[in-house]
Amino acid sequence: MSESKELILVCARDIFLKEGLSHFSMRKVASCVGMSATALYRHYINKEELLFQVILRGYRIFSRYLEKINDTQNPLVCLEKSLLAYLNFALTEKPYYEVMFMSNDQMTGLKKLNSAGAAEMRHSFELLQNRVQRAIDQKLVKTEDSYVASFGLWAYAHGQVSLFLSGRTEVTRKQFVKVYTSLMKSYIRQM
């Protein structure tokens, strides 16, 4: 990705998070980037396409966190590392996490999903589901439905991370990571 496109996506993401959809404009993004609105429209047809690309960029980054995990390890270890990768993504790439998972306005970008975009978004979930299926195949967990178990893991992790990032917990980052890790390990072993 070119530096200018990356800067456009970062500016768009930050303006969207700060001002919301109702105050988001291509003109504001262009000003942030240091280009004319006309030049910005050469890259993206409208704000919906631009927001979709911001969300898609977030999913691509998120997938890279998950893809770093060595799938030849014990499946339970892979699941634990997958959920730690989820946490690391949320803490390290917080603005992308917020746009992807914590913003009610995120649907603006998602409504325009094309098949390539939908595949990108499914990829991160499929990585988790494949890891759960390996644990099922090796009889390391009781569950027999990899989709339901994966959805439960994701929802459990997402709930904790979102509570922490939104400031609804009274723990430090270090305390949260310890609690999150402990709860995730316990959840995996009870599946």
N, C-alpha and C. Protein backbone atom coordinates (compact mmCIF):
# COMPACT_ATOMS: atom_id res chain seq x y z
N MET A 1 0.85 -1.17 0.00
CA MET A 1 0.00 0.00 0.00
C MET A 1 0.90 1.24 0.00
N SER A 2 0.56 2.20 -0.83
CA SER A 2 1.37 3.41 -0.91
C SER A 2 1.23 4.24 0.36
N GLU A 3 2.24 5.07 0.60
CA GLU A 3 2.21 5.92 1.80
C GLU A 3 1.01 6.85 1.80
N SER A 4 0.67 7.39 0.63
CA SER A 4 -0.46 8.33 0.58
C SER A 4 -1.78 7.62 0.87
N LYS A 5 -1.94 6.39 0.34
CA LYS A 5 -3.18 5.66 0.64
C LYS A 5 -3.26 5.29 2.11
N GLU A 6 -2.13 4.91 2.69
CA GLU A 6 -2.11 4.59 4.12
C GLU A 6 -2.47 5.83 4.94
N LEU A 7 -1.92 6.98 4.58
CA LEU A 7 -2.23 8.22 5.30
C LEU A 7 -3.71 8.57 5.15
N ILE A 8 -4.27 8.37 3.97
CA ILE A 8 -5.70 8.64 3.76
C ILE A 8 -6.53 7.76 4.69
N LEU A 9 -6.20 6.47 4.77
CA LEU A 9 -6.98 5.55 5.61
C LEU A 9 -6.84 5.90 7.09
N VAL A 10 -5.65 6.29 7.52
CA VAL A 10 -5.44 6.66 8.92
C VAL A 10 -6.22 7.94 9.25
N CYS A 11 -6.14 8.94 8.37
CA CYS A 11 -6.89 10.17 8.60
C CYS A 11 -8.39 9.90 8.64
N ALA A 12 -8.88 9.11 7.68
CA ALA A 12 -10.31 8.78 7.63
C ALA A 12 -10.74 8.06 8.90
N ARG A 13 -9.95 7.09 9.32
CA ARG A 13 -10.27 6.33 10.54
C ARG A 13 -10.35 7.26 11.74
N ASP A 14 -9.35 8.12 11.89
CA ASP A 14 -9.29 9.00 13.06
C ASP A 14 -10.41 10.04 13.07
N ILE A 15 -10.72 10.60 11.91
CA ILE A 15 -11.81 11.57 11.83
C ILE A 15 -13.14 10.89 12.13
N PHE A 16 -13.33 9.70 11.58
CA PHE A 16 -14.56 8.95 11.83
C PHE A 16 -14.73 8.67 13.32
N LEU A 17 -13.66 8.25 13.99
CA LEU A 17 -13.75 7.94 15.42
C LEU A 17 -13.98 9.19 16.25
N LYS A 18 -13.37 10.29 15.86
CA LYS A 18 -13.49 11.53 16.64
C LYS A 18 -14.83 12.22 16.42
N GLU A 19 -15.31 12.24 15.18
CA GLU A 19 -16.47 13.06 14.85
C GLU A 19 -17.72 12.28 14.51
N GLY A 20 -17.58 10.98 14.27
CA GLY A 20 -18.74 10.18 13.91
C GLY A 20 -19.11 10.34 12.46
N LEU A 21 -20.03 9.52 12.03
CA LEU A 21 -20.43 9.51 10.63
C LEU A 21 -21.08 10.82 10.20
N SER A 22 -21.89 11.40 11.07
CA SER A 22 -22.63 12.60 10.68
C SER A 22 -21.71 13.79 10.38
N HIS A 23 -20.51 13.82 10.95
CA HIS A 23 -19.58 14.93 10.70
C HIS A 23 -18.38 14.51 9.86
N PHE A 24 -18.41 13.30 9.38
CA PHE A 24 -17.31 12.78 8.55
C PHE A 24 -17.50 13.29 7.12
N SER A 25 -16.43 13.81 6.52
CA SER A 25 -16.53 14.26 5.13
C SER A 25 -15.22 14.01 4.40
N MET A 26 -15.35 13.88 3.10
CA MET A 26 -14.17 13.70 2.26
C MET A 26 -13.29 14.95 2.33
N ARG A 27 -13.90 16.12 2.45
CA ARG A 27 -13.16 17.38 2.54
C ARG A 27 -12.27 17.39 3.80
N LYS A 28 -12.79 16.90 4.92
CA LYS A 28 -11.99 16.85 6.16
C LYS A 28 -10.83 15.87 6.01
N VAL A 29 -11.09 14.74 5.38
CA VAL A 29 -10.02 13.75 5.17
C VAL A 29 -8.95 14.35 4.26
N ALA A 30 -9.38 14.99 3.18
CA ALA A 30 -8.43 15.60 2.24
C ALA A 30 -7.57 16.64 2.96
N SER A 31 -8.18 17.44 3.80
CA SER A 31 -7.44 18.47 4.56
C SER A 31 -6.41 17.82 5.48
N CYS A 32 -6.81 16.77 6.15
CA CYS A 32 -5.91 16.05 7.06
C CYS A 32 -4.70 15.49 6.30
N VAL A 33 -4.95 14.97 5.11
CA VAL A 33 -3.90 14.36 4.30
C VAL A 33 -3.02 15.43 3.64
N GLY A 34 -3.61 16.60 3.40
CA GLY A 34 -2.87 17.66 2.71
C GLY A 34 -3.05 17.59 1.21
N MET A 35 -4.24 17.22 0.78
CA MET A 35 -4.55 17.18 -0.66
C MET A 35 -5.91 17.81 -0.88
N SER A 36 -6.24 18.04 -2.11
CA SER A 36 -7.56 18.60 -2.42
C SER A 36 -8.60 17.49 -2.34
N ALA A 37 -9.84 17.89 -2.12
CA ALA A 37 -10.93 16.92 -2.10
C ALA A 37 -11.04 16.24 -3.47
N THR A 38 -10.78 16.97 -4.53
CA THR A 38 -10.82 16.40 -5.88
C THR A 38 -9.81 15.27 -6.01
N ALA A 39 -8.61 15.51 -5.50
CA ALA A 39 -7.58 14.47 -5.56
C ALA A 39 -8.00 13.24 -4.76
N LEU A 40 -8.64 13.45 -3.62
CA LEU A 40 -9.10 12.33 -2.79
C LEU A 40 -10.14 11.50 -3.54
N TYR A 41 -11.02 12.19 -4.27
CA TYR A 41 -12.06 11.48 -5.03
C TYR A 41 -11.47 10.65 -6.16
N ARG A 42 -10.23 10.89 -6.55
CA ARG A 42 -9.59 10.05 -7.55
C ARG A 42 -9.24 8.68 -6.94
N HIS A 43 -9.07 8.65 -5.62
CA HIS A 43 -8.74 7.40 -4.92
C HIS A 43 -10.00 6.64 -4.49
N TYR A 44 -11.01 7.38 -4.02
CA TYR A 44 -12.24 6.76 -3.47
C TYR A 44 -13.45 7.51 -4.00
N ILE A 45 -14.45 6.77 -4.47
CA ILE A 45 -15.61 7.42 -5.09
C ILE A 45 -16.45 8.23 -4.12
N ASN A 46 -16.55 7.77 -2.87
CA ASN A 46 -17.36 8.48 -1.88
C ASN A 46 -16.91 8.08 -0.47
N LYS A 47 -17.54 8.68 0.53
CA LYS A 47 -17.10 8.40 1.91
C LYS A 47 -17.43 6.97 2.34
N GLU A 48 -18.49 6.39 1.80
CA GLU A 48 -18.82 5.01 2.14
C GLU A 48 -17.72 4.06 1.66
N GLU A 49 -17.23 4.28 0.44
CA GLU A 49 -16.15 3.45 -0.09
C GLU A 49 -14.89 3.63 0.74
N LEU A 50 -14.61 4.86 1.12
CA LEU A 50 -13.43 5.13 1.94
C LEU A 50 -13.54 4.45 3.30
N LEU A 51 -14.69 4.55 3.95
CA LEU A 51 -14.86 3.90 5.26
C LEU A 51 -14.80 2.38 5.14
N PHE A 52 -15.34 1.86 4.05
CA PHE A 52 -15.23 0.42 3.81
C PHE A 52 -13.76 0.02 3.73
N GLN A 53 -12.96 0.80 3.04
CA GLN A 53 -11.53 0.49 2.90
C GLN A 53 -10.80 0.59 4.24
N VAL A 54 -11.23 1.51 5.09
CA VAL A 54 -10.66 1.62 6.45
C VAL A 54 -10.93 0.33 7.22
N ILE A 55 -12.18 -0.12 7.18
CA ILE A 55 -12.56 -1.34 7.90
C ILE A 55 -11.83 -2.56 7.32
N LEU A 56 -11.76 -2.62 6.00
CA LEU A 56 -11.07 -3.73 5.35
C LEU A 56 -9.59 -3.74 5.72
N ARG A 57 -8.97 -2.57 5.78
CA ARG A 57 -7.57 -2.47 6.20
C ARG A 57 -7.40 -3.02 7.62
N GLY A 58 -8.33 -2.68 8.50
CA GLY A 58 -8.29 -3.21 9.86
C GLY A 58 -8.35 -4.72 9.90
N TYR A 59 -9.22 -5.32 9.10
CA TYR A 59 -9.33 -6.78 9.06
C TYR A 59 -8.06 -7.42 8.51
N ARG A 60 -7.43 -6.77 7.56
CA ARG A 60 -6.18 -7.31 7.02
C ARG A 60 -5.09 -7.30 8.08
N ILE A 61 -5.01 -6.23 8.83
CA ILE A 61 -4.02 -6.14 9.91
C ILE A 61 -4.33 -7.20 10.97
N PHE A 62 -5.59 -7.32 11.34
CA PHE A 62 -6.02 -8.30 12.33
C PHE A 62 -5.65 -9.72 11.88
N SER A 63 -5.90 -10.04 10.62
CA SER A 63 -5.56 -11.36 10.11
C SER A 63 -4.07 -11.65 10.23
N ARG A 64 -3.25 -10.64 10.00
CA ARG A 64 -1.79 -10.85 10.12
C ARG A 64 -1.41 -11.23 11.55
N TYR A 65 -2.08 -10.66 12.54
CA TYR A 65 -1.82 -11.04 13.93
C TYR A 65 -2.12 -12.53 14.12
N LEU A 66 -3.23 -12.99 13.57
CA LEU A 66 -3.63 -14.39 13.73
C LEU A 66 -2.77 -15.34 12.91
N GLU A 67 -2.32 -14.88 11.76
CA GLU A 67 -1.52 -15.74 10.87
C GLU A 67 -0.11 -16.00 11.40
N LYS A 68 0.34 -15.19 12.34
CA LYS A 68 1.69 -15.38 12.91
C LYS A 68 1.78 -16.61 13.81
N ILE A 69 0.64 -17.16 14.17
CA ILE A 69 0.61 -18.29 15.10
C ILE A 69 0.96 -19.58 14.37
N ASN A 70 1.85 -20.34 14.96
CA ASN A 70 2.30 -21.61 14.38
C ASN A 70 1.23 -22.67 14.63
N ASP A 71 0.56 -23.09 13.56
CA ASP A 71 -0.53 -24.05 13.68
C ASP A 71 -0.08 -25.49 13.88
N THR A 72 1.21 -25.72 13.96
CA THR A 72 1.68 -27.09 14.21
C THR A 72 1.74 -27.39 15.71
N GLN A 73 1.51 -26.39 16.53
CA GLN A 73 1.53 -26.59 17.98
C GLN A 73 0.27 -27.32 18.44
N ASN A 74 0.24 -27.67 19.69
CA ASN A 74 -0.96 -28.24 20.31
C ASN A 74 -2.14 -27.30 20.02
N PRO A 75 -3.28 -27.83 19.57
CA PRO A 75 -4.43 -26.98 19.23
C PRO A 75 -4.90 -26.07 20.36
N LEU A 76 -4.81 -26.53 21.60
CA LEU A 76 -5.23 -25.67 22.71
C LEU A 76 -4.28 -24.49 22.88
N VAL A 77 -2.99 -24.74 22.67
CA VAL A 77 -2.00 -23.66 22.72
C VAL A 77 -2.28 -22.67 21.58
N CYS A 78 -2.62 -23.18 20.41
CA CYS A 78 -2.95 -22.32 19.26
C CYS A 78 -4.17 -21.45 19.58
N LEU A 79 -5.17 -22.03 20.22
CA LEU A 79 -6.36 -21.25 20.58
C LEU A 79 -6.01 -20.17 21.59
N GLU A 80 -5.21 -20.52 22.59
CA GLU A 80 -4.79 -19.51 23.58
C GLU A 80 -4.03 -18.38 22.89
N LYS A 81 -3.12 -18.75 21.99
CA LYS A 81 -2.34 -17.73 21.28
C LYS A 81 -3.22 -16.91 20.34
N SER A 82 -4.25 -17.52 19.78
CA SER A 82 -5.18 -16.79 18.92
C SER A 82 -5.91 -15.71 19.71
N LEU A 83 -6.33 -16.07 20.92
CA LEU A 83 -7.06 -15.10 21.74
C LEU A 83 -6.13 -14.03 22.30
N LEU A 84 -4.87 -14.38 22.51
CA LEU A 84 -3.89 -13.35 22.89
C LEU A 84 -3.59 -12.44 21.69
N ALA A 85 -3.59 -13.00 20.50
CA ALA A 85 -3.39 -12.18 19.29
C ALA A 85 -4.56 -11.20 19.14
N TYR A 86 -5.77 -11.65 19.45
CA TYR A 86 -6.95 -10.78 19.43
C TYR A 86 -6.74 -9.61 20.39
N LEU A 87 -6.30 -9.93 21.59
CA LEU A 87 -6.05 -8.89 22.59
C LEU A 87 -4.93 -7.95 22.14
N ASN A 88 -3.85 -8.52 21.64
CA ASN A 88 -2.73 -7.68 21.18
C ASN A 88 -3.15 -6.76 20.06
N PHE A 89 -3.96 -7.26 19.13
CA PHE A 89 -4.47 -6.41 18.06
C PHE A 89 -5.29 -5.27 18.65
N ALA A 90 -6.18 -5.59 19.57
CA ALA A 90 -7.05 -4.56 20.16
C ALA A 90 -6.24 -3.49 20.90
N LEU A 91 -5.21 -3.91 21.61
CA LEU A 91 -4.42 -2.95 22.39
C LEU A 91 -3.44 -2.17 21.52
N THR A 92 -2.88 -2.82 20.51
CA THR A 92 -1.88 -2.19 19.65
C THR A 92 -2.52 -1.37 18.54
N GLU A 93 -3.60 -1.87 18.00
CA GLU A 93 -4.29 -1.22 16.87
C GLU A 93 -5.66 -0.73 17.31
N LYS A 94 -5.71 -0.11 18.48
CA LYS A 94 -6.98 0.29 19.08
C LYS A 94 -7.90 1.07 18.13
N PRO A 95 -7.39 2.04 17.38
CA PRO A 95 -8.31 2.76 16.48
C PRO A 95 -8.97 1.84 15.44
N TYR A 96 -8.22 0.91 14.88
CA TYR A 96 -8.84 -0.03 13.93
C TYR A 96 -9.84 -0.93 14.65
N TYR A 97 -9.48 -1.40 15.83
CA TYR A 97 -10.39 -2.25 16.61
C TYR A 97 -11.71 -1.51 16.86
N GLU A 98 -11.60 -0.24 17.25
CA GLU A 98 -12.80 0.54 17.54
C GLU A 98 -13.68 0.72 16.30
N VAL A 99 -13.06 1.00 15.16
CA VAL A 99 -13.84 1.16 13.93
C VAL A 99 -14.50 -0.16 13.56
N MET A 100 -13.77 -1.24 13.68
CA MET A 100 -14.27 -2.55 13.26
C MET A 100 -15.34 -3.11 14.20
N PHE A 101 -15.13 -2.97 15.50
CA PHE A 101 -15.95 -3.71 16.45
C PHE A 101 -16.72 -2.88 17.48
N MET A 102 -16.41 -1.60 17.61
CA MET A 102 -17.05 -0.85 18.70
C MET A 102 -17.86 0.36 18.23
N SER A 103 -17.94 0.57 16.94
CA SER A 103 -18.64 1.74 16.43
C SER A 103 -19.97 1.35 15.81
N ASN A 104 -21.05 1.99 16.27
CA ASN A 104 -22.35 1.74 15.67
C ASN A 104 -22.39 2.17 14.21
N ASP A 105 -21.61 3.16 13.87
CA ASP A 105 -21.59 3.68 12.51
C ASP A 105 -20.78 2.81 11.55
N GLN A 106 -20.15 1.76 12.07
CA GLN A 106 -19.31 0.93 11.21
C GLN A 106 -20.11 0.32 10.05
N MET A 107 -21.39 0.18 10.21
CA MET A 107 -22.19 -0.45 9.17
C MET A 107 -22.16 0.33 7.86
N THR A 108 -21.87 1.60 7.92
CA THR A 108 -21.78 2.38 6.69
C THR A 108 -20.76 1.78 5.74
N GLY A 109 -19.62 1.45 6.25
CA GLY A 109 -18.61 0.83 5.41
C GLY A 109 -18.95 -0.61 5.05
N LEU A 110 -19.65 -1.30 5.94
CA LEU A 110 -19.94 -2.71 5.72
C LEU A 110 -21.08 -2.93 4.73
N LYS A 111 -21.97 -1.97 4.58
CA LYS A 111 -23.10 -2.15 3.66
C LYS A 111 -22.62 -2.33 2.23
N LYS A 112 -21.49 -1.78 1.91
CA LYS A 112 -20.98 -1.82 0.54
C LYS A 112 -20.03 -2.99 0.31
N LEU A 113 -20.01 -3.92 1.22
CA LEU A 113 -19.07 -5.04 1.08
C LEU A 113 -19.23 -5.74 -0.27
N ASN A 114 -18.12 -5.92 -0.91
CA ASN A 114 -18.14 -6.75 -2.11
C ASN A 114 -17.66 -8.14 -1.70
N SER A 115 -17.65 -9.06 -2.62
CA SER A 115 -17.31 -10.43 -2.23
C SER A 115 -15.87 -10.54 -1.73
N ALA A 116 -14.95 -9.76 -2.29
CA ALA A 116 -13.56 -9.80 -1.81
C ALA A 116 -13.48 -9.28 -0.38
N GLY A 117 -14.20 -8.23 -0.09
CA GLY A 117 -14.20 -7.67 1.26
C GLY A 117 -14.79 -8.63 2.27
N ALA A 118 -15.89 -9.28 1.89
CA ALA A 118 -16.51 -10.24 2.80
C ALA A 118 -15.56 -11.40 3.07
N ALA A 119 -14.84 -11.83 2.05
CA ALA A 119 -13.88 -12.93 2.22
C ALA A 119 -12.77 -12.53 3.17
N GLU A 120 -12.29 -11.29 3.06
CA GLU A 120 -11.25 -10.79 3.97
C GLU A 120 -11.74 -10.83 5.41
N MET A 121 -12.98 -10.43 5.62
CA MET A 121 -13.53 -10.39 6.97
C MET A 121 -13.74 -11.80 7.52
N ARG A 122 -14.19 -12.70 6.67
CA ARG A 122 -14.40 -14.09 7.12
C ARG A 122 -13.08 -14.79 7.43
N HIS A 123 -12.02 -14.39 6.77
CA HIS A 123 -10.73 -15.07 6.91
C HIS A 123 -10.28 -15.15 8.37
N SER A 124 -10.39 -14.05 9.10
CA SER A 124 -9.93 -14.06 10.50
C SER A 124 -10.78 -15.01 11.34
N PHE A 125 -12.08 -15.05 11.10
CA PHE A 125 -12.94 -15.98 11.84
C PHE A 125 -12.63 -17.42 11.44
N GLU A 126 -12.39 -17.65 10.16
CA GLU A 126 -12.09 -19.00 9.69
C GLU A 126 -10.78 -19.53 10.28
N LEU A 127 -9.81 -18.65 10.50
CA LEU A 127 -8.57 -19.08 11.15
C LEU A 127 -8.88 -19.63 12.54
N LEU A 128 -9.71 -18.92 13.28
CA LEU A 128 -10.09 -19.37 14.62
C LEU A 128 -10.90 -20.67 14.53
N GLN A 129 -11.85 -20.71 13.62
CA GLN A 129 -12.69 -21.91 13.50
C GLN A 129 -11.87 -23.13 13.12
N ASN A 130 -10.90 -22.99 12.24
CA ASN A 130 -10.03 -24.12 11.88
C ASN A 130 -9.23 -24.61 13.08
N ARG A 131 -8.81 -23.68 13.92
CA ARG A 131 -8.05 -24.07 15.12
C ARG A 131 -8.95 -24.79 16.12
N VAL A 132 -10.17 -24.34 16.25
CA VAL A 132 -11.13 -25.05 17.11
C VAL A 132 -11.39 -26.44 16.56
N GLN A 133 -11.55 -26.55 15.24
CA GLN A 133 -11.81 -27.85 14.63
C GLN A 133 -10.66 -28.82 14.89
N ARG A 134 -9.43 -28.33 14.86
CA ARG A 134 -8.28 -29.19 15.17
C ARG A 134 -8.39 -29.72 16.60
N ALA A 135 -8.80 -28.87 17.53
CA ALA A 135 -8.96 -29.31 18.92
C ALA A 135 -10.07 -30.34 19.04
N ILE A 136 -11.14 -30.15 18.28
CA ILE A 136 -12.25 -31.13 18.27
C ILE A 136 -11.76 -32.46 17.69
N ASP A 137 -11.07 -32.38 16.56
CA ASP A 137 -10.58 -33.60 15.89
C ASP A 137 -9.65 -34.41 16.79
N GLN A 138 -8.87 -33.71 17.60
CA GLN A 138 -7.94 -34.40 18.50
C GLN A 138 -8.57 -34.71 19.86
N LYS A 139 -9.87 -34.46 19.95
CA LYS A 139 -10.65 -34.75 21.17
C LYS A 139 -10.08 -34.05 22.41
N LEU A 140 -9.64 -32.82 22.21
CA LEU A 140 -9.10 -32.02 23.32
C LEU A 140 -10.17 -31.15 23.96
N VAL A 141 -11.33 -31.06 23.31
CA VAL A 141 -12.47 -30.30 23.83
C VAL A 141 -13.72 -31.15 23.68
N LYS A 142 -14.76 -30.81 24.46
CA LYS A 142 -16.00 -31.59 24.43
C LYS A 142 -16.93 -31.19 23.29
N THR A 143 -16.87 -29.93 22.90
CA THR A 143 -17.79 -29.44 21.88
C THR A 143 -17.59 -30.17 20.55
N GLU A 144 -18.66 -30.23 19.77
CA GLU A 144 -18.58 -30.88 18.46
C GLU A 144 -18.84 -29.90 17.32
N ASP A 145 -19.19 -28.68 17.64
CA ASP A 145 -19.54 -27.68 16.62
C ASP A 145 -18.50 -26.56 16.63
N SER A 146 -17.63 -26.58 15.63
CA SER A 146 -16.54 -25.60 15.61
C SER A 146 -17.05 -24.18 15.39
N TYR A 147 -18.15 -24.01 14.67
CA TYR A 147 -18.68 -22.66 14.45
C TYR A 147 -19.20 -22.07 15.76
N VAL A 148 -20.02 -22.83 16.45
CA VAL A 148 -20.60 -22.34 17.71
C VAL A 148 -19.48 -22.05 18.73
N ALA A 149 -18.53 -22.96 18.84
CA ALA A 149 -17.43 -22.77 19.79
C ALA A 149 -16.58 -21.55 19.41
N SER A 150 -16.33 -21.36 18.13
CA SER A 150 -15.53 -20.22 17.68
C SER A 150 -16.27 -18.92 17.93
N PHE A 151 -17.55 -18.92 17.64
CA PHE A 151 -18.36 -17.72 17.89
C PHE A 151 -18.37 -17.39 19.38
N GLY A 152 -18.50 -18.41 20.21
CA GLY A 152 -18.48 -18.20 21.66
C GLY A 152 -17.15 -17.64 22.14
N LEU A 153 -16.05 -18.19 21.62
CA LEU A 153 -14.72 -17.69 21.99
C LEU A 153 -14.56 -16.23 21.59
N TRP A 154 -14.95 -15.93 20.35
CA TRP A 154 -14.83 -14.56 19.85
C TRP A 154 -15.68 -13.61 20.69
N ALA A 155 -16.92 -14.00 20.96
CA ALA A 155 -17.81 -13.14 21.74
C ALA A 155 -17.29 -12.93 23.17
N TYR A 156 -16.77 -13.98 23.76
CA TYR A 156 -16.23 -13.89 25.12
C TYR A 156 -15.03 -12.96 25.16
N ALA A 157 -14.14 -13.11 24.19
CA ALA A 157 -12.95 -12.25 24.12
C ALA A 157 -13.37 -10.81 23.82
N HIS A 158 -14.26 -10.65 22.87
CA HIS A 158 -14.70 -9.32 22.46
C HIS A 158 -15.36 -8.56 23.63
N GLY A 159 -16.17 -9.25 24.37
CA GLY A 159 -16.84 -8.60 25.51
C GLY A 159 -15.84 -8.06 26.51
N GLN A 160 -14.87 -8.87 26.86
CA GLN A 160 -13.86 -8.43 27.83
C GLN A 160 -13.03 -7.27 27.29
N VAL A 161 -12.56 -7.41 26.06
CA VAL A 161 -11.71 -6.38 25.47
C VAL A 161 -12.48 -5.06 25.33
N SER A 162 -13.71 -5.14 24.87
CA SER A 162 -14.50 -3.93 24.69
C SER A 162 -14.78 -3.23 26.02
N LEU A 163 -15.05 -4.00 27.05
CA LEU A 163 -15.23 -3.40 28.38
C LEU A 163 -13.97 -2.67 28.83
N PHE A 164 -12.83 -3.30 28.63
CA PHE A 164 -11.58 -2.67 29.02
C PHE A 164 -11.29 -1.41 28.20
N LEU A 165 -11.40 -1.51 26.89
CA LEU A 165 -11.07 -0.37 26.03
C LEU A 165 -12.02 0.81 26.22
N SER A 166 -13.26 0.52 26.59
CA SER A 166 -14.23 1.60 26.79
C SER A 166 -14.12 2.21 28.18
N GLY A 167 -13.20 1.70 29.00
CA GLY A 167 -12.99 2.26 30.33
C GLY A 167 -14.01 1.81 31.36
N ARG A 168 -14.68 0.73 31.10
CA ARG A 168 -15.72 0.26 32.02
C ARG A 168 -15.21 -0.72 33.07
N THR A 169 -13.90 -0.85 33.15
CA THR A 169 -13.30 -1.67 34.19
C THR A 169 -12.34 -0.80 34.98
N GLU A 170 -12.10 -1.18 36.19
CA GLU A 170 -11.21 -0.39 37.05
C GLU A 170 -9.91 -1.12 37.30
N VAL A 171 -9.31 -1.63 36.22
CA VAL A 171 -8.05 -2.34 36.34
C VAL A 171 -7.03 -1.69 35.40
N THR A 172 -5.77 -1.89 35.74
CA THR A 172 -4.70 -1.41 34.86
C THR A 172 -4.60 -2.33 33.65
N ARG A 173 -3.87 -1.90 32.67
CA ARG A 173 -3.66 -2.74 31.48
C ARG A 173 -3.01 -4.06 31.87
N LYS A 174 -2.00 -4.00 32.73
CA LYS A 174 -1.30 -5.20 33.17
C LYS A 174 -2.26 -6.15 33.89
N GLN A 175 -3.10 -5.62 34.77
CA GLN A 175 -4.08 -6.45 35.48
C GLN A 175 -5.08 -7.06 34.50
N PHE A 176 -5.52 -6.25 33.55
CA PHE A 176 -6.49 -6.74 32.57
C PHE A 176 -5.92 -7.89 31.75
N VAL A 177 -4.70 -7.74 31.28
CA VAL A 177 -4.07 -8.80 30.48
C VAL A 177 -4.00 -10.09 31.28
N LYS A 178 -3.67 -9.99 32.56
CA LYS A 178 -3.59 -11.18 33.43
C LYS A 178 -4.96 -11.83 33.59
N VAL A 179 -5.98 -11.02 33.87
CA VAL A 179 -7.34 -11.55 34.04
C VAL A 179 -7.85 -12.15 32.73
N TYR A 180 -7.67 -11.42 31.64
CA TYR A 180 -8.11 -11.89 30.31
C TYR A 180 -7.48 -13.23 29.98
N THR A 181 -6.17 -13.33 30.16
CA THR A 181 -5.45 -14.56 29.85
C THR A 181 -5.98 -15.73 30.68
N SER A 182 -6.17 -15.50 31.94
CA SER A 182 -6.68 -16.54 32.83
C SER A 182 -8.08 -16.99 32.42
N LEU A 183 -8.96 -16.02 32.15
CA LEU A 183 -10.33 -16.36 31.76
C LEU A 183 -10.37 -17.10 30.42
N MET A 184 -9.54 -16.67 29.48
CA MET A 184 -9.52 -17.33 28.16
C MET A 184 -9.05 -18.78 28.28
N LYS A 185 -8.00 -19.02 29.06
CA LYS A 185 -7.51 -20.39 29.25
C LYS A 185 -8.60 -21.25 29.88
N SER A 186 -9.28 -20.71 30.86
CA SER A 186 -10.36 -21.44 31.52
C SER A 186 -11.50 -21.73 30.54
N TYR A 187 -11.87 -20.76 29.75
CA TYR A 187 -12.96 -20.92 28.79
C TYR A 187 -12.62 -22.01 27.77
N ILE A 188 -11.40 -21.98 27.25
CA ILE A 188 -10.96 -22.96 26.26
C ILE A 188 -11.04 -24.37 26.83
N ARG A 189 -10.59 -24.53 28.06
CA ARG A 189 -10.57 -25.86 28.66
C ARG A 189 -11.96 -26.38 29.02
N GLN A 190 -12.93 -25.51 29.07
CA GLN A 190 -14.31 -25.93 29.37
C GLN A 190 -15.16 -26.15 28.13
N MET A 191 -14.59 -25.89 26.96
CA MET A 191 -15.38 -26.04 25.72
C MET A 191 -15.77 -27.49 25.50
